[in-house]
Amino acid sequence: MTLRRTLVPVLGAGLATALAFRLDPWVFQHLSNPTVYDHDWGRLLRVMGSLVLWAPLCLAVWLEQRTRGSGLLLLAPALAGGLAELLKLLIRRERPDLHAGSYVYRSFAERPFDTHDLGFPSSHAMVAFAGAAVLARCYPRAAPVGYALAAGCALTRVLAQAHFASDVVAGGIAGWAVGYWLGRARRPGVPAA
């Protein structure tokens, strides 16, 4: 039973990522909105993938409830963001808008410790989904809102052509895994020690 509970999500994540890779050229050609961040809704969705949102949210929840889960609202997105930057340095695939939608990998000799212009995985998607996963674990009724906003964040990154679909799918899955892993032992409503 435990193997099945682990194997099914892992296979699903692998299939979703493989499908996203397959669809990358089509998505780049057909889903574009260069002005997405000129609108309030676009900026709102983008900030879901930033600690600029998760840090004050963590503080607000801690001031109100002082539960153990409040710190996870900052820890999970911060850890996911750091992991995304490390993965970018290892994988080194550049952003799609730099090469007209072609996959181009940066040499390890070129800017070895600079993630600027690297896109895989999307750190915005990782941060957003890590935060949404913790939010869903600590406040289950808020899960649909958190996941919808995280998905919106990922979508805006694709629409802006800052990322391939595979960047945000892989980032979303990895971010969710970070948030799930950190929040797995968390029970809603447990006060801090």
N, C-alpha and C. Protein backbone atom coordinates (compact mmCIF):
# COMPACT_ATOMS: atom_id res chain seq x y z
N MET A 1 0.82 -1.19 0.00
CA MET A 1 0.00 0.00 0.00
C MET A 1 0.87 1.26 0.00
N THR A 2 1.94 1.29 0.79
CA THR A 2 2.81 2.46 0.85
C THR A 2 3.53 2.66 -0.48
N LEU A 3 3.99 1.58 -1.10
CA LEU A 3 4.66 1.68 -2.39
C LEU A 3 3.71 2.27 -3.43
N ARG A 4 2.47 1.83 -3.43
CA ARG A 4 1.48 2.34 -4.38
C ARG A 4 1.21 3.82 -4.14
N ARG A 5 1.11 4.22 -2.87
CA ARG A 5 0.86 5.62 -2.54
C ARG A 5 2.02 6.51 -2.97
N THR A 6 3.21 5.96 -3.08
CA THR A 6 4.37 6.72 -3.51
C THR A 6 4.55 6.63 -5.02
N LEU A 7 4.38 5.45 -5.56
CA LEU A 7 4.65 5.21 -6.97
C LEU A 7 3.68 5.95 -7.89
N VAL A 8 2.41 5.96 -7.56
CA VAL A 8 1.42 6.61 -8.43
C VAL A 8 1.69 8.11 -8.58
N PRO A 9 1.91 8.86 -7.50
CA PRO A 9 2.22 10.29 -7.68
C PRO A 9 3.54 10.53 -8.43
N VAL A 10 4.53 9.70 -8.17
CA VAL A 10 5.82 9.88 -8.85
C VAL A 10 5.66 9.62 -10.35
N LEU A 11 4.94 8.57 -10.71
CA LEU A 11 4.69 8.30 -12.13
C LEU A 11 3.86 9.42 -12.76
N GLY A 12 2.86 9.89 -12.05
CA GLY A 12 2.05 11.00 -12.55
C GLY A 12 2.87 12.26 -12.77
N ALA A 13 3.76 12.57 -11.84
CA ALA A 13 4.64 13.73 -11.97
C ALA A 13 5.57 13.57 -13.16
N GLY A 14 6.10 12.37 -13.33
CA GLY A 14 6.99 12.10 -14.47
C GLY A 14 6.26 12.24 -15.80
N LEU A 15 5.03 11.72 -15.87
CA LEU A 15 4.25 11.83 -17.10
C LEU A 15 3.88 13.28 -17.40
N ALA A 16 3.50 14.02 -16.37
CA ALA A 16 3.15 15.44 -16.56
C ALA A 16 4.36 16.23 -17.08
N THR A 17 5.52 15.96 -16.53
CA THR A 17 6.73 16.66 -16.96
C THR A 17 7.10 16.26 -18.38
N ALA A 18 7.00 14.97 -18.69
CA ALA A 18 7.31 14.51 -20.06
C ALA A 18 6.35 15.13 -21.07
N LEU A 19 5.08 15.20 -20.73
CA LEU A 19 4.10 15.83 -21.61
C LEU A 19 4.41 17.31 -21.80
N ALA A 20 4.79 17.97 -20.73
CA ALA A 20 5.13 19.40 -20.83
C ALA A 20 6.34 19.60 -21.75
N PHE A 21 7.35 18.72 -21.65
CA PHE A 21 8.50 18.81 -22.55
C PHE A 21 8.05 18.65 -24.00
N ARG A 22 7.17 17.71 -24.22
CA ARG A 22 6.67 17.45 -25.58
C ARG A 22 5.91 18.66 -26.13
N LEU A 23 5.18 19.35 -25.26
CA LEU A 23 4.36 20.49 -25.68
C LEU A 23 5.10 21.82 -25.69
N ASP A 24 6.32 21.87 -25.19
CA ASP A 24 7.06 23.13 -25.10
C ASP A 24 7.07 23.95 -26.40
N PRO A 25 7.41 23.36 -27.55
CA PRO A 25 7.43 24.18 -28.78
C PRO A 25 6.06 24.77 -29.12
N TRP A 26 5.02 23.97 -29.00
CA TRP A 26 3.67 24.45 -29.32
C TRP A 26 3.25 25.55 -28.36
N VAL A 27 3.47 25.34 -27.08
CA VAL A 27 3.09 26.34 -26.07
C VAL A 27 3.83 27.65 -26.32
N PHE A 28 5.12 27.58 -26.62
CA PHE A 28 5.89 28.80 -26.87
C PHE A 28 5.33 29.56 -28.06
N GLN A 29 4.94 28.85 -29.10
CA GLN A 29 4.42 29.49 -30.32
C GLN A 29 3.01 30.05 -30.16
N HIS A 30 2.18 29.40 -29.32
CA HIS A 30 0.76 29.74 -29.30
C HIS A 30 0.24 30.41 -28.02
N LEU A 31 0.96 30.31 -26.93
CA LEU A 31 0.50 30.93 -25.68
C LEU A 31 1.47 32.03 -25.28
N SER A 32 1.08 33.24 -25.60
CA SER A 32 1.95 34.37 -25.31
C SER A 32 1.10 35.60 -24.99
N ASN A 33 1.53 36.33 -23.98
CA ASN A 33 0.92 37.61 -23.65
C ASN A 33 2.03 38.49 -23.06
N PRO A 34 2.76 39.19 -23.91
CA PRO A 34 3.89 39.98 -23.42
C PRO A 34 3.51 41.08 -22.44
N THR A 35 2.23 41.44 -22.40
CA THR A 35 1.80 42.51 -21.49
C THR A 35 1.17 41.96 -20.21
N VAL A 36 1.37 40.68 -19.93
CA VAL A 36 0.72 40.06 -18.78
C VAL A 36 1.04 40.79 -17.47
N TYR A 37 2.25 41.31 -17.34
CA TYR A 37 2.62 41.98 -16.10
C TYR A 37 2.28 43.48 -16.11
N ASP A 38 1.63 43.94 -17.16
CA ASP A 38 1.14 45.32 -17.18
C ASP A 38 -0.19 45.44 -16.45
N HIS A 39 -0.76 44.31 -16.09
CA HIS A 39 -2.07 44.28 -15.43
C HIS A 39 -1.91 43.90 -13.96
N ASP A 40 -2.79 44.42 -13.11
CA ASP A 40 -2.73 44.10 -11.68
C ASP A 40 -2.84 42.61 -11.43
N TRP A 41 -3.73 41.93 -12.15
CA TRP A 41 -3.91 40.49 -11.93
C TRP A 41 -2.63 39.73 -12.28
N GLY A 42 -1.91 40.16 -13.31
CA GLY A 42 -0.65 39.51 -13.68
C GLY A 42 0.42 39.71 -12.62
N ARG A 43 0.50 40.94 -12.10
CA ARG A 43 1.49 41.21 -11.05
C ARG A 43 1.14 40.46 -9.77
N LEU A 44 -0.16 40.37 -9.44
CA LEU A 44 -0.58 39.60 -8.26
C LEU A 44 -0.16 38.15 -8.39
N LEU A 45 -0.41 37.56 -9.54
CA LEU A 45 -0.07 36.15 -9.71
C LEU A 45 1.44 35.93 -9.68
N ARG A 46 2.20 36.86 -10.26
CA ARG A 46 3.66 36.70 -10.26
C ARG A 46 4.22 36.75 -8.84
N VAL A 47 3.69 37.64 -8.00
CA VAL A 47 4.23 37.80 -6.65
C VAL A 47 3.97 36.57 -5.78
N MET A 48 3.07 35.68 -6.21
CA MET A 48 2.87 34.41 -5.49
C MET A 48 4.17 33.60 -5.46
N GLY A 49 5.02 33.83 -6.44
CA GLY A 49 6.28 33.10 -6.52
C GLY A 49 7.43 33.86 -5.91
N SER A 50 7.14 34.73 -4.95
CA SER A 50 8.18 35.56 -4.35
C SER A 50 8.04 35.56 -2.83
N LEU A 51 9.17 35.63 -2.15
CA LEU A 51 9.15 35.72 -0.69
C LEU A 51 8.58 37.06 -0.23
N VAL A 52 8.47 38.00 -1.15
CA VAL A 52 7.85 39.30 -0.84
C VAL A 52 6.41 39.09 -0.37
N LEU A 53 5.77 38.05 -0.84
CA LEU A 53 4.41 37.73 -0.39
C LEU A 53 4.44 36.81 0.84
N TRP A 54 5.27 35.76 0.78
CA TRP A 54 5.22 34.73 1.82
C TRP A 54 5.75 35.21 3.17
N ALA A 55 6.72 36.12 3.19
CA ALA A 55 7.26 36.61 4.47
C ALA A 55 6.21 37.39 5.27
N PRO A 56 5.51 38.39 4.68
CA PRO A 56 4.50 39.08 5.48
C PRO A 56 3.30 38.20 5.81
N LEU A 57 2.97 37.25 4.92
CA LEU A 57 1.86 36.34 5.21
C LEU A 57 2.22 35.47 6.42
N CYS A 58 3.45 34.98 6.45
CA CYS A 58 3.93 34.20 7.59
C CYS A 58 3.83 35.01 8.88
N LEU A 59 4.29 36.25 8.82
CA LEU A 59 4.25 37.11 10.00
C LEU A 59 2.81 37.35 10.45
N ALA A 60 1.92 37.63 9.51
CA ALA A 60 0.52 37.90 9.85
C ALA A 60 -0.12 36.68 10.52
N VAL A 61 0.12 35.49 9.98
CA VAL A 61 -0.45 34.27 10.56
C VAL A 61 0.15 34.02 11.93
N TRP A 62 1.46 34.23 12.07
CA TRP A 62 2.09 34.01 13.37
C TRP A 62 1.55 34.99 14.42
N LEU A 63 1.38 36.24 14.05
CA LEU A 63 0.84 37.23 15.00
C LEU A 63 -0.57 36.87 15.44
N GLU A 64 -1.34 36.28 14.56
CA GLU A 64 -2.72 35.93 14.88
C GLU A 64 -2.83 34.61 15.64
N GLN A 65 -2.11 33.59 15.23
CA GLN A 65 -2.33 32.24 15.77
C GLN A 65 -1.16 31.66 16.54
N ARG A 66 0.04 32.09 16.25
CA ARG A 66 1.24 31.54 16.87
C ARG A 66 1.26 30.01 16.83
N THR A 67 0.98 29.48 15.63
CA THR A 67 1.03 28.03 15.44
C THR A 67 2.35 27.65 14.78
N ARG A 68 2.69 26.38 14.90
CA ARG A 68 3.93 25.89 14.28
C ARG A 68 3.90 26.08 12.77
N GLY A 69 2.74 25.94 12.17
CA GLY A 69 2.62 26.04 10.72
C GLY A 69 2.92 27.42 10.17
N SER A 70 2.81 28.45 10.98
CA SER A 70 3.03 29.80 10.45
C SER A 70 4.46 29.96 9.92
N GLY A 71 5.44 29.42 10.60
CA GLY A 71 6.82 29.51 10.13
C GLY A 71 7.06 28.74 8.84
N LEU A 72 6.28 27.68 8.64
CA LEU A 72 6.41 26.91 7.40
C LEU A 72 5.98 27.71 6.19
N LEU A 73 5.11 28.72 6.40
CA LEU A 73 4.67 29.55 5.28
C LEU A 73 5.81 30.38 4.70
N LEU A 74 6.88 30.54 5.43
CA LEU A 74 8.08 31.19 4.92
C LEU A 74 9.18 30.17 4.62
N LEU A 75 9.33 29.18 5.50
CA LEU A 75 10.40 28.21 5.33
C LEU A 75 10.27 27.41 4.03
N ALA A 76 9.09 26.91 3.73
CA ALA A 76 8.91 26.09 2.53
C ALA A 76 9.19 26.88 1.25
N PRO A 77 8.59 28.07 1.07
CA PRO A 77 8.92 28.83 -0.14
C PRO A 77 10.40 29.22 -0.22
N ALA A 78 11.00 29.56 0.92
CA ALA A 78 12.42 29.94 0.91
C ALA A 78 13.30 28.75 0.53
N LEU A 79 13.01 27.59 1.10
CA LEU A 79 13.77 26.39 0.76
C LEU A 79 13.57 26.01 -0.70
N ALA A 80 12.34 26.10 -1.18
CA ALA A 80 12.05 25.78 -2.59
C ALA A 80 12.78 26.75 -3.52
N GLY A 81 12.78 28.02 -3.18
CA GLY A 81 13.47 29.00 -4.01
C GLY A 81 14.97 28.75 -4.06
N GLY A 82 15.56 28.42 -2.92
CA GLY A 82 16.99 28.10 -2.89
C GLY A 82 17.31 26.85 -3.70
N LEU A 83 16.46 25.83 -3.56
CA LEU A 83 16.65 24.60 -4.33
C LEU A 83 16.51 24.86 -5.82
N ALA A 84 15.57 25.72 -6.22
CA ALA A 84 15.39 26.06 -7.64
C ALA A 84 16.65 26.71 -8.20
N GLU A 85 17.25 27.61 -7.43
CA GLU A 85 18.47 28.27 -7.91
C GLU A 85 19.61 27.26 -8.05
N LEU A 86 19.72 26.34 -7.12
CA LEU A 86 20.75 25.30 -7.21
C LEU A 86 20.52 24.41 -8.43
N LEU A 87 19.27 24.01 -8.66
CA LEU A 87 18.96 23.19 -9.84
C LEU A 87 19.26 23.93 -11.13
N LYS A 88 18.98 25.21 -11.17
CA LYS A 88 19.29 26.01 -12.37
C LYS A 88 20.79 25.97 -12.65
N LEU A 89 21.60 26.08 -11.60
CA LEU A 89 23.05 26.04 -11.78
C LEU A 89 23.53 24.68 -12.30
N LEU A 90 22.82 23.62 -11.94
CA LEU A 90 23.21 22.28 -12.38
C LEU A 90 22.68 21.95 -13.77
N ILE A 91 21.45 22.34 -14.08
CA ILE A 91 20.83 21.97 -15.35
C ILE A 91 21.20 22.96 -16.45
N ARG A 92 21.16 24.26 -16.16
CA ARG A 92 21.70 25.32 -17.01
C ARG A 92 20.95 25.54 -18.33
N ARG A 93 19.64 25.25 -18.36
CA ARG A 93 18.86 25.53 -19.56
C ARG A 93 18.41 26.99 -19.53
N GLU A 94 18.67 27.70 -20.60
CA GLU A 94 18.36 29.12 -20.65
C GLU A 94 16.88 29.35 -20.95
N ARG A 95 16.44 30.57 -20.70
CA ARG A 95 15.04 30.94 -20.88
C ARG A 95 14.66 30.90 -22.37
N PRO A 96 13.40 30.59 -22.65
CA PRO A 96 12.98 30.44 -24.05
C PRO A 96 13.01 31.73 -24.86
N ASP A 97 12.75 32.87 -24.24
CA ASP A 97 12.70 34.12 -25.00
C ASP A 97 14.07 34.55 -25.51
N LEU A 98 15.13 33.99 -24.98
CA LEU A 98 16.48 34.34 -25.42
C LEU A 98 16.85 33.67 -26.74
N HIS A 99 16.17 32.56 -27.08
CA HIS A 99 16.56 31.75 -28.24
C HIS A 99 15.35 31.34 -29.08
N ALA A 100 14.35 32.20 -29.14
CA ALA A 100 13.16 31.97 -29.98
C ALA A 100 12.52 30.61 -29.71
N GLY A 101 12.50 30.20 -28.47
CA GLY A 101 11.82 28.96 -28.10
C GLY A 101 12.65 27.70 -28.26
N SER A 102 13.92 27.81 -28.54
CA SER A 102 14.80 26.64 -28.66
C SER A 102 15.44 26.33 -27.31
N TYR A 103 15.73 25.06 -27.10
CA TYR A 103 16.47 24.67 -25.90
C TYR A 103 17.94 25.00 -26.11
N VAL A 104 18.50 25.79 -25.23
CA VAL A 104 19.92 26.10 -25.26
C VAL A 104 20.44 25.95 -23.83
N TYR A 105 21.52 25.20 -23.69
CA TYR A 105 22.11 24.96 -22.37
C TYR A 105 23.42 25.74 -22.28
N ARG A 106 23.58 26.47 -21.20
CA ARG A 106 24.78 27.28 -20.97
C ARG A 106 25.93 26.38 -20.54
N SER A 107 27.09 26.67 -21.06
CA SER A 107 28.29 25.94 -20.68
C SER A 107 28.61 26.20 -19.20
N PHE A 108 29.21 25.19 -18.56
CA PHE A 108 29.61 25.36 -17.16
C PHE A 108 30.75 26.36 -17.03
N ALA A 109 31.47 26.61 -18.13
CA ALA A 109 32.57 27.58 -18.09
C ALA A 109 32.05 29.02 -18.14
N GLU A 110 30.85 29.21 -18.66
CA GLU A 110 30.27 30.55 -18.79
C GLU A 110 29.43 30.89 -17.56
N ARG A 111 29.81 31.91 -16.84
CA ARG A 111 29.10 32.37 -15.64
C ARG A 111 28.67 31.19 -14.76
N PRO A 112 29.61 30.45 -14.20
CA PRO A 112 29.29 29.21 -13.50
C PRO A 112 28.38 29.35 -12.28
N PHE A 113 28.37 30.51 -11.64
CA PHE A 113 27.56 30.67 -10.43
C PHE A 113 26.50 31.76 -10.58
N ASP A 114 26.06 32.00 -11.80
CA ASP A 114 25.07 33.05 -12.09
C ASP A 114 23.83 32.40 -12.69
N THR A 115 22.69 32.54 -12.02
CA THR A 115 21.46 31.93 -12.53
C THR A 115 20.66 32.88 -13.41
N HIS A 116 21.17 34.09 -13.62
CA HIS A 116 20.46 35.05 -14.48
C HIS A 116 20.30 34.44 -15.87
N ASP A 117 19.09 34.49 -16.40
CA ASP A 117 18.72 33.97 -17.72
C ASP A 117 18.62 32.44 -17.78
N LEU A 118 18.74 31.76 -16.66
CA LEU A 118 18.50 30.32 -16.62
C LEU A 118 17.04 30.08 -16.23
N GLY A 119 16.41 29.08 -16.86
CA GLY A 119 14.97 28.92 -16.66
C GLY A 119 14.48 27.63 -16.06
N PHE A 120 15.29 26.58 -16.07
CA PHE A 120 14.77 25.28 -15.60
C PHE A 120 15.39 24.90 -14.27
N PRO A 121 14.54 24.71 -13.26
CA PRO A 121 13.09 24.87 -13.18
C PRO A 121 12.72 26.31 -12.84
N SER A 122 11.46 26.63 -12.98
CA SER A 122 10.98 27.96 -12.64
C SER A 122 11.00 28.15 -11.13
N SER A 123 11.78 29.11 -10.66
CA SER A 123 11.81 29.35 -9.21
C SER A 123 10.50 29.99 -8.74
N HIS A 124 9.85 30.79 -9.59
CA HIS A 124 8.55 31.35 -9.21
C HIS A 124 7.55 30.21 -8.96
N ALA A 125 7.51 29.23 -9.85
CA ALA A 125 6.57 28.11 -9.69
C ALA A 125 6.93 27.30 -8.45
N MET A 126 8.21 27.07 -8.22
CA MET A 126 8.60 26.30 -7.04
C MET A 126 8.20 27.00 -5.75
N VAL A 127 8.45 28.29 -5.67
CA VAL A 127 8.11 29.06 -4.47
C VAL A 127 6.59 29.07 -4.27
N ALA A 128 5.86 29.34 -5.34
CA ALA A 128 4.39 29.43 -5.25
C ALA A 128 3.78 28.11 -4.82
N PHE A 129 4.22 27.00 -5.40
CA PHE A 129 3.62 25.71 -5.07
C PHE A 129 4.07 25.20 -3.70
N ALA A 130 5.29 25.54 -3.29
CA ALA A 130 5.72 25.16 -1.93
C ALA A 130 4.86 25.89 -0.91
N GLY A 131 4.64 27.17 -1.12
CA GLY A 131 3.78 27.93 -0.22
C GLY A 131 2.35 27.42 -0.23
N ALA A 132 1.82 27.12 -1.43
CA ALA A 132 0.45 26.61 -1.53
C ALA A 132 0.30 25.26 -0.84
N ALA A 133 1.32 24.41 -0.94
CA ALA A 133 1.25 23.09 -0.30
C ALA A 133 1.20 23.21 1.22
N VAL A 134 2.01 24.10 1.78
CA VAL A 134 1.98 24.32 3.23
C VAL A 134 0.65 24.97 3.64
N LEU A 135 0.21 25.93 2.86
CA LEU A 135 -1.07 26.58 3.14
C LEU A 135 -2.20 25.54 3.15
N ALA A 136 -2.17 24.64 2.17
CA ALA A 136 -3.20 23.60 2.09
C ALA A 136 -3.12 22.64 3.27
N ARG A 137 -1.94 22.34 3.74
CA ARG A 137 -1.77 21.42 4.86
C ARG A 137 -2.22 22.06 6.17
N CYS A 138 -1.86 23.33 6.35
CA CYS A 138 -2.19 24.00 7.61
C CYS A 138 -3.62 24.52 7.63
N TYR A 139 -4.13 24.90 6.48
CA TYR A 139 -5.47 25.49 6.37
C TYR A 139 -6.19 24.84 5.18
N PRO A 140 -6.68 23.63 5.35
CA PRO A 140 -7.22 22.85 4.22
C PRO A 140 -8.30 23.56 3.41
N ARG A 141 -9.13 24.37 4.06
CA ARG A 141 -10.18 25.06 3.30
C ARG A 141 -9.60 26.13 2.38
N ALA A 142 -8.39 26.57 2.64
CA ALA A 142 -7.74 27.57 1.79
C ALA A 142 -7.00 26.93 0.62
N ALA A 143 -6.93 25.61 0.57
CA ALA A 143 -6.16 24.91 -0.46
C ALA A 143 -6.55 25.31 -1.88
N PRO A 144 -7.85 25.34 -2.24
CA PRO A 144 -8.18 25.69 -3.63
C PRO A 144 -7.68 27.09 -4.02
N VAL A 145 -7.76 28.03 -3.10
CA VAL A 145 -7.29 29.39 -3.40
C VAL A 145 -5.77 29.38 -3.59
N GLY A 146 -5.06 28.75 -2.67
CA GLY A 146 -3.60 28.69 -2.76
C GLY A 146 -3.11 28.03 -4.03
N TYR A 147 -3.70 26.89 -4.38
CA TYR A 147 -3.27 26.19 -5.59
C TYR A 147 -3.68 26.93 -6.85
N ALA A 148 -4.84 27.58 -6.86
CA ALA A 148 -5.26 28.36 -8.03
C ALA A 148 -4.30 29.53 -8.26
N LEU A 149 -3.90 30.21 -7.19
CA LEU A 149 -2.96 31.32 -7.32
C LEU A 149 -1.58 30.83 -7.75
N ALA A 150 -1.15 29.69 -7.24
CA ALA A 150 0.14 29.12 -7.65
C ALA A 150 0.12 28.74 -9.13
N ALA A 151 -0.98 28.11 -9.57
CA ALA A 151 -1.11 27.75 -10.98
C ALA A 151 -1.14 29.01 -11.85
N GLY A 152 -1.80 30.05 -11.36
CA GLY A 152 -1.82 31.32 -12.08
C GLY A 152 -0.43 31.92 -12.19
N CYS A 153 0.35 31.83 -11.14
CA CYS A 153 1.73 32.30 -11.16
C CYS A 153 2.52 31.58 -12.25
N ALA A 154 2.40 30.26 -12.27
CA ALA A 154 3.10 29.46 -13.28
C ALA A 154 2.65 29.85 -14.69
N LEU A 155 1.35 30.02 -14.87
CA LEU A 155 0.82 30.38 -16.18
C LEU A 155 1.36 31.73 -16.66
N THR A 156 1.44 32.71 -15.77
CA THR A 156 1.95 34.02 -16.19
C THR A 156 3.40 33.94 -16.63
N ARG A 157 4.18 33.06 -16.01
CA ARG A 157 5.58 32.91 -16.41
C ARG A 157 5.69 32.35 -17.84
N VAL A 158 4.76 31.46 -18.20
CA VAL A 158 4.73 30.92 -19.56
C VAL A 158 4.22 31.99 -20.53
N LEU A 159 3.14 32.70 -20.16
CA LEU A 159 2.59 33.74 -21.03
C LEU A 159 3.61 34.84 -21.32
N ALA A 160 4.43 35.16 -20.34
CA ALA A 160 5.46 36.19 -20.52
C ALA A 160 6.66 35.65 -21.31
N GLN A 161 6.64 34.39 -21.65
CA GLN A 161 7.71 33.67 -22.34
C GLN A 161 9.03 33.72 -21.58
N ALA A 162 8.92 33.83 -20.27
CA ALA A 162 10.09 33.77 -19.39
C ALA A 162 10.46 32.32 -19.10
N HIS A 163 9.51 31.41 -19.32
CA HIS A 163 9.74 29.99 -19.05
C HIS A 163 9.01 29.13 -20.07
N PHE A 164 9.58 27.95 -20.30
CA PHE A 164 8.88 26.91 -21.04
C PHE A 164 7.82 26.31 -20.12
N ALA A 165 6.86 25.63 -20.71
CA ALA A 165 5.85 24.92 -19.91
C ALA A 165 6.53 23.89 -19.01
N SER A 166 7.55 23.21 -19.52
CA SER A 166 8.24 22.20 -18.71
C SER A 166 8.95 22.82 -17.52
N ASP A 167 9.40 24.07 -17.64
CA ASP A 167 10.04 24.76 -16.51
C ASP A 167 9.06 24.91 -15.35
N VAL A 168 7.82 25.33 -15.68
CA VAL A 168 6.86 25.59 -14.61
C VAL A 168 6.22 24.31 -14.10
N VAL A 169 6.05 23.31 -14.97
CA VAL A 169 5.49 22.03 -14.49
C VAL A 169 6.48 21.36 -13.54
N ALA A 170 7.73 21.27 -13.96
CA ALA A 170 8.74 20.66 -13.08
C ALA A 170 8.91 21.48 -11.80
N GLY A 171 8.92 22.81 -11.93
CA GLY A 171 9.04 23.67 -10.76
C GLY A 171 7.86 23.53 -9.82
N GLY A 172 6.66 23.45 -10.38
CA GLY A 172 5.46 23.27 -9.56
C GLY A 172 5.47 21.96 -8.80
N ILE A 173 5.85 20.90 -9.48
CA ILE A 173 5.91 19.58 -8.84
C ILE A 173 6.97 19.57 -7.74
N ALA A 174 8.15 20.10 -8.06
CA ALA A 174 9.22 20.12 -7.05
C ALA A 174 8.85 21.02 -5.87
N GLY A 175 8.24 22.16 -6.16
CA GLY A 175 7.81 23.05 -5.07
C GLY A 175 6.76 22.40 -4.19
N TRP A 176 5.79 21.74 -4.82
CA TRP A 176 4.77 21.04 -4.05
C TRP A 176 5.44 19.98 -3.16
N ALA A 177 6.41 19.24 -3.71
CA ALA A 177 7.09 18.20 -2.93
C ALA A 177 7.80 18.79 -1.72
N VAL A 178 8.44 19.94 -1.88
CA VAL A 178 9.10 20.60 -0.75
C VAL A 178 8.08 20.98 0.31
N GLY A 179 6.99 21.61 -0.11
CA GLY A 179 5.95 22.02 0.83
C GLY A 179 5.29 20.84 1.51
N TYR A 180 5.03 19.79 0.75
CA TYR A 180 4.42 18.58 1.31
C TYR A 180 5.37 17.94 2.32
N TRP A 181 6.64 17.85 1.95
CA TRP A 181 7.63 17.22 2.83
C TRP A 181 7.75 17.98 4.14
N LEU A 182 7.81 19.31 4.07
CA LEU A 182 7.92 20.09 5.31
C LEU A 182 6.64 20.07 6.13
N GLY A 183 5.50 20.02 5.46
CA GLY A 183 4.23 20.08 6.18
C GLY A 183 3.61 18.74 6.51
N ARG A 184 4.29 17.64 6.18
CA ARG A 184 3.69 16.30 6.33
C ARG A 184 3.33 15.95 7.77
N ALA A 185 4.09 16.41 8.72
CA ALA A 185 3.80 16.08 10.12
C ALA A 185 2.99 17.17 10.81
N ARG A 186 2.65 18.18 10.05
CA ARG A 186 1.92 19.33 10.61
C ARG A 186 0.45 19.02 10.75
N ARG A 187 -0.07 19.24 11.93
CA ARG A 187 -1.51 19.10 12.16
C ARG A 187 -2.10 20.49 12.30
N PRO A 188 -3.15 20.81 11.56
CA PRO A 188 -3.73 22.15 11.67
C PRO A 188 -4.12 22.48 13.12
N GLY A 189 -3.84 23.72 13.48
CA GLY A 189 -4.28 24.21 14.79
C GLY A 189 -3.38 23.86 15.96
N VAL A 190 -2.21 23.25 15.71
CA VAL A 190 -1.33 22.90 16.82
C VAL A 190 -0.54 24.15 17.22
N PRO A 191 -0.68 24.63 18.45
CA PRO A 191 0.03 25.83 18.86
C PRO A 191 1.54 25.60 18.94
N ALA A 192 2.28 26.67 18.78
CA ALA A 192 3.74 26.60 18.89
C ALA A 192 4.11 26.35 20.35
N ALA A 193 5.25 25.71 20.54
CA ALA A 193 5.71 25.42 21.90
C ALA A 193 6.18 26.67 22.59
